[in-house]
C-alpha atoms as a PDB file:
ATOM      1  CA  ARG A   1     -33.767  -5.686  10.421  1.00  0.00           C
ATOM      2  CA  HIS A   2     -31.314  -6.397  13.239  1.00  0.00           C
ATOM      3  CA  GLU A   3     -30.539  -9.840  11.787  1.00  0.00           C
ATOM      4  CA  ARG A   4     -29.851  -8.319   8.363  1.00  0.00           C
ATOM      5  CA  GLU A   5     -27.486  -5.730   9.917  1.00  0.00           C
ATOM      6  CA  ALA A   6     -25.714  -8.420  11.920  1.00  0.00           C
ATOM      7  CA  ALA A   7     -25.287 -10.513   8.768  1.00  0.00           C
ATOM      8  CA  ALA A   8     -23.888  -7.492   6.883  1.00  0.00           C
ATOM      9  CA  ILE A   9     -21.404  -6.760   9.679  1.00  0.00           C
ATOM     10  CA  ALA A  10     -20.324 -10.430   9.807  1.00  0.00           C
ATOM     11  CA  SER A  11     -19.813 -10.462   6.056  1.00  0.00           C
ATOM     12  CA  PHE A  12     -17.936  -7.161   6.211  1.00  0.00           C
ATOM     13  CA  LYS A  13     -15.609  -8.540   8.913  1.00  0.00           C
ATOM     14  CA  MET A  14     -15.013 -11.744   6.989  1.00  0.00           C
ATOM     15  CA  HIS A  15     -14.040  -9.895   3.795  1.00  0.00           C
ATOM     16  CA  LEU A  16     -12.379  -6.835   5.229  1.00  0.00           C
ATOM     17  CA  LEU A  17     -10.148  -8.263   7.935  1.00  0.00           C
ATOM     18  CA  PRO A  18      -7.852 -10.130   5.511  1.00  0.00           C
ATOM     19  CA  ILE A  19      -7.383  -6.947   3.451  1.00  0.00           C
ATOM     20  CA  LEU A  20      -6.631  -4.917   6.577  1.00  0.00           C
ATOM     21  CA  GLU A  21      -4.093  -7.505   7.684  1.00  0.00           C
ATOM     22  CA  VAL A  22      -2.381  -7.459   4.267  1.00  0.00           C
ATOM     23  CA  HIS A  23      -2.057  -3.662   4.408  1.00  0.00           C
ATOM     24  CA  ASP A  24      -0.727  -3.717   7.987  1.00  0.00           C
ATOM     25  CA  PHE A  25       2.936  -3.912   6.976  1.00  0.00           C
ATOM     26  CA  ASN A  26       4.360  -4.064  10.497  1.00  0.00           C
ATOM     27  CA  ASN A  27       1.686  -6.534  11.791  1.00  0.00           C
ATOM     28  CA  SER A  28       0.707  -4.154  14.573  1.00  0.00           C
ATOM     29  CA  GLY A  29      -3.071  -4.561  14.249  1.00  0.00           C
ATOM     30  CA  THR A  30      -3.228  -0.921  13.253  1.00  0.00           C
ATOM     31  CA  LEU A  31      -3.000   1.058  10.005  1.00  0.00           C
ATOM     32  CA  ARG A  32      -0.805   4.115   9.685  1.00  0.00           C
ATOM     33  CA  LYS A  33      -1.976   6.844   7.330  1.00  0.00           C
ATOM     34  CA  GLU A  34       0.273   5.570   4.554  1.00  0.00           C
ATOM     35  CA  GLU A  35      -1.098   2.042   4.933  1.00  0.00           C
ATOM     36  CA  PHE A  36      -4.647   3.408   4.889  1.00  0.00           C
ATOM     37  CA  ASP A  37      -3.895   5.296   1.667  1.00  0.00           C
ATOM     38  CA  LEU A  38      -2.667   2.097   0.037  1.00  0.00           C
ATOM     39  CA  LEU A  39      -5.673   0.194   1.344  1.00  0.00           C
ATOM     40  CA  MET A  40      -8.014   2.721  -0.208  1.00  0.00           C
ATOM     41  CA  ARG A  41      -6.331   2.258  -3.590  1.00  0.00           C
ATOM     42  CA  ASN A  42      -7.265  -1.427  -3.495  1.00  0.00           C
ATOM     43  CA  PRO A  43     -10.222  -2.125  -5.841  1.00  0.00           C
ATOM     44  CA  GLU A  44     -11.358  -4.963  -3.584  1.00  0.00           C
ATOM     45  CA  MET A  45     -11.747  -2.486  -0.711  1.00  0.00           C
ATOM     46  CA  HIS A  46     -13.932  -0.308  -2.951  1.00  0.00           C
ATOM     47  CA  MET A  47     -16.060  -3.357  -3.817  1.00  0.00           C
ATOM     48  CA  ILE A  48     -16.507  -4.348  -0.150  1.00  0.00           C
ATOM     49  CA  LEU A  49     -17.445  -0.815   0.838  1.00  0.00           C
ATOM     50  CA  GLY A  50     -19.824  -0.576  -2.156  1.00  0.00           C
ATOM     51  CA  ASN A  51     -21.521  -3.831  -1.129  1.00  0.00           C
ATOM     52  CA  LEU A  52     -22.304  -2.160   2.190  1.00  0.00           C
ATOM     53  CA  GLY A  53     -23.569   0.989   0.538  1.00  0.00           C
ATOM     54  CA  VAL A  54     -20.506   2.998   1.550  1.00  0.00           C
ATOM     55  CA  ASP A  55     -19.026   5.256  -1.099  1.00  0.00           C
ATOM     56  CA  ALA A  56     -15.262   4.614  -1.126  1.00  0.00           C
ATOM     57  CA  GLU A  57     -14.509   8.162  -2.279  1.00  0.00           C
ATOM     58  CA  ASP A  58     -16.557   9.585   0.632  1.00  0.00           C
ATOM     59  CA  PHE A  59     -14.757   7.228   3.030  1.00  0.00           C
ATOM     60  CA  MET A  60     -11.383   8.340   1.665  1.00  0.00           C
ATOM     61  CA  ALA A  61     -12.438  11.981   2.086  1.00  0.00           C
ATOM     62  CA  MET A  62     -12.756  11.258   5.809  1.00  0.00           C
ATOM     63  CA  ARG A  63      -9.077  10.254   5.968  1.00  0.00           C
ATOM     64  CA  ASP A  64      -7.815  13.323   7.779  1.00  0.00           C
ATOM     65  CA  ILE A  65     -10.677  13.187  10.252  1.00  0.00           C
ATOM     66  CA  LEU A  66     -10.078   9.497  10.968  1.00  0.00           C
ATOM     67  CA  PHE A  67      -6.449  10.126  11.799  1.00  0.00           C
ATOM     68  CA  GLU A  68      -7.158  13.339  13.682  1.00  0.00           C
ATOM     69  CA  ASP A  69      -8.365  11.652  16.869  1.00  0.00           C
ATOM     70  CA  ASN A  70      -9.802   8.324  17.952  1.00  0.00           C
ATOM     71  CA  SER A  71     -12.943   8.734  15.823  1.00  0.00           C
ATOM     72  CA  PHE A  72     -11.935   5.717  13.724  1.00  0.00           C
ATOM     73  CA  ASP A  73     -12.475   3.583  16.826  1.00  0.00           C
ATOM     74  CA  VAL A  74     -16.190   4.264  16.327  1.00  0.00           C
ATOM     75  CA  VAL A  75     -16.022   3.162  12.701  1.00  0.00           C
ATOM     76  CA  CYS A  76     -13.964   0.070  13.502  1.00  0.00           C
ATOM     77  CA  SER A  77     -15.758  -0.957  16.667  1.00  0.00           C
ATOM     78  CA  MET A  78     -17.582  -3.572  14.596  1.00  0.00           C
ATOM     79  CA  PHE A  79     -14.257  -5.340  14.020  1.00  0.00           C
ATOM     80  CA  GLU A  80     -13.367  -5.627  17.691  1.00  0.00           C
ATOM     81  CA  SER A  81     -14.545  -8.175  20.193  1.00  0.00           C
ATOM     82  CA  ASP A  82     -17.702  -7.600  22.157  1.00  0.00           C
ATOM     83  CA  THR A  83     -15.709  -6.404  25.168  1.00  0.00           C
ATOM     84  CA  ASP A  84     -16.055  -2.679  25.618  1.00  0.00           C
ATOM     85  CA  ASP A  85     -12.909  -0.789  26.523  1.00  0.00           C
ATOM     86  CA  ALA A  86     -13.731   2.655  27.865  1.00  0.00           C
ATOM     87  CA  ASP A  87     -10.159   3.939  27.501  1.00  0.00           C
ATOM     88  CA  ALA A  88      -9.314   6.088  24.506  1.00  0.00           C
ATOM     89  CA  SER A  89      -7.164   4.584  21.818  1.00  0.00           C
ATOM     90  CA  PRO A  90      -3.440   4.953  22.561  1.00  0.00           C
ATOM     91  CA  SER A  91      -3.015   6.328  19.056  1.00  0.00           C
ATOM     92  CA  ALA A  92      -5.274   9.240  19.970  1.00  0.00           C
ATOM     93  CA  LYS A  93      -2.439  10.572  22.133  1.00  0.00           C
ATOM     94  CA  LEU A  94       0.018  10.679  19.234  1.00  0.00           C
ATOM     95  CA  PRO A  95       0.506  13.634  16.885  1.00  0.00           C
ATOM     96  CA  PRO A  96      -1.886  13.330  13.883  1.00  0.00           C
ATOM     97  CA  GLN A  97       0.869  12.357  11.443  1.00  0.00           C
ATOM     98  CA  GLU A  98       1.796   9.360  13.692  1.00  0.00           C
ATOM     99  CA  ARG A  99      -1.667   8.124  14.601  1.00  0.00           C
ATOM    100  CA  GLU A 100      -2.746   4.682  13.642  1.00  0.00           C
ATOM    101  CA  LEU A 101      -6.182   3.139  13.164  1.00  0.00           C
ATOM    102  CA  SER A 102      -6.766  -0.026  15.166  1.00  0.00           C
ATOM    103  CA  PHE A 103      -8.585  -2.945  13.628  1.00  0.00           C
ATOM    104  CA  ALA A 104      -7.374  -5.778  15.829  1.00  0.00           C
END
Protein backbone atom coordinates (compact mmCIF):
# COMPACT_ATOMS: atom_id res chain seq x y z
CA ARG A 1 0.00 0.00 0.00
CA HIS A 2 2.81 2.42 0.88
CA GLU A 3 4.42 1.90 -2.54
CA ARG A 4 1.11 2.62 -4.27
CA GLU A 5 0.68 5.83 -2.27
CA ALA A 6 4.26 6.88 -3.00
CA ALA A 7 3.69 6.25 -6.72
CA ALA A 8 0.47 8.30 -6.64
CA ILE A 9 2.25 11.19 -4.91
CA ALA A 10 5.14 11.07 -7.39
CA SER A 11 2.69 11.12 -10.30
CA PHE A 12 0.72 13.94 -8.70
CA LYS A 13 3.91 16.00 -8.30
CA MET A 14 5.00 15.31 -11.86
CA HIS A 15 1.67 16.44 -13.31
CA LEU A 16 0.70 19.16 -10.88
CA LEU A 17 3.94 21.10 -10.47
CA PRO A 18 3.99 22.38 -14.07
CA ILE A 19 0.38 23.60 -13.73
CA LEU A 20 1.17 25.32 -10.44
CA GLU A 21 4.17 27.02 -12.00
CA VAL A 22 2.10 28.24 -14.97
CA HIS A 23 -0.48 29.78 -12.63
CA ASP A 24 2.20 31.42 -10.45
CA PHE A 25 2.25 34.69 -12.41
CA ASN A 26 4.96 36.38 -10.36
CA ASN A 27 7.18 33.25 -10.14
CA SER A 28 7.20 33.41 -6.35
CA GLY A 29 6.67 29.69 -5.72
CA THR A 30 3.33 30.58 -4.14
CA LEU A 31 -0.23 31.06 -5.33
CA ARG A 32 -2.30 34.04 -4.35
CA LYS A 33 -6.03 33.54 -4.01
CA GLU A 34 -6.64 34.93 -7.51
CA GLU A 35 -4.07 32.55 -8.99
CA PHE A 36 -5.65 29.64 -7.11
CA ASP A 37 -9.07 30.58 -8.52
CA LEU A 38 -7.69 30.54 -12.05
CA LEU A 39 -5.90 27.25 -11.37
CA MET A 40 -9.14 25.68 -10.23
CA ARG A 41 -10.83 26.70 -13.48
CA ASN A 42 -8.27 24.67 -15.41
CA PRO A 43 -9.83 21.39 -16.65
CA GLU A 44 -6.45 19.68 -16.44
CA MET A 45 -6.34 20.44 -12.71
CA HIS A 46 -9.75 18.82 -12.33
CA MET A 47 -8.49 15.75 -14.21
CA ILE A 48 -5.38 15.44 -12.01
CA LEU A 49 -7.41 15.78 -8.83
CA GLY A 50 -9.97 13.29 -10.14
CA ASN A 51 -7.22 10.76 -10.90
CA LEU A 52 -6.28 10.94 -7.23
CA GLY A 53 -9.88 10.56 -6.09
CA VAL A 54 -10.14 14.21 -5.04
CA ASP A 55 -13.32 16.02 -6.02
CA ALA A 56 -12.28 19.35 -7.56
CA GLU A 57 -15.48 21.05 -6.42
CA ASP A 58 -14.86 19.93 -2.83
CA PHE A 59 -11.27 21.14 -3.06
CA MET A 60 -12.44 24.51 -4.39
CA ALA A 61 -14.94 24.72 -1.53
CA MET A 62 -11.95 24.63 0.83
CA ARG A 63 -10.53 27.79 -0.78
CA ASP A 64 -11.32 30.16 2.07
CA ILE A 65 -10.00 27.72 4.65
CA LEU A 66 -6.78 27.19 2.69
CA PHE A 67 -6.09 30.91 2.59
CA GLU A 68 -7.24 31.47 6.17
CA ASP A 69 -4.05 30.19 7.79
CA ASN A 70 -1.17 27.90 6.97
CA SER A 71 -3.38 24.81 6.60
CA PHE A 72 -2.48 24.56 2.92
CA ASP A 73 1.05 23.74 4.01
CA VAL A 74 -0.35 20.40 5.19
CA VAL A 75 -2.00 19.78 1.83
CA CYS A 76 1.10 20.83 -0.13
CA SER A 77 3.70 19.19 2.08
CA MET A 78 3.88 16.40 -0.49
CA PHE A 79 5.29 18.89 -3.00
CA GLU A 80 8.11 20.06 -0.78
CA SER A 81 11.46 18.43 -0.20
CA ASP A 82 11.87 15.87 2.54
CA THR A 83 13.36 18.48 4.87
CA ASP A 84 10.94 19.40 7.62
CA ASP A 85 10.69 23.08 8.49
CA ALA A 86 9.00 23.55 11.84
CA ASP A 87 8.40 27.27 11.30
CA ALA A 88 4.97 28.42 10.20
CA SER A 89 4.57 29.63 6.67
CA PRO A 90 5.41 33.34 6.32
CA SER A 91 2.11 33.79 4.49
CA ALA A 92 0.27 32.69 7.64
CA LYS A 93 1.24 36.02 9.19
CA LEU A 94 -0.41 38.03 6.41
CA PRO A 95 -4.05 39.15 6.39
CA PRO A 96 -6.25 36.47 4.73
CA GLN A 97 -6.75 38.46 1.53
CA GLU A 98 -2.96 38.65 1.02
CA ARG A 99 -1.98 35.09 1.96
CA GLU A 100 -0.32 32.86 -0.54
CA LEU A 101 -0.09 29.09 -0.82
CA SER A 102 3.44 27.77 -1.13
CA PHE A 103 4.21 24.93 -3.51
CA ALA A 104 7.94 25.44 -4.03
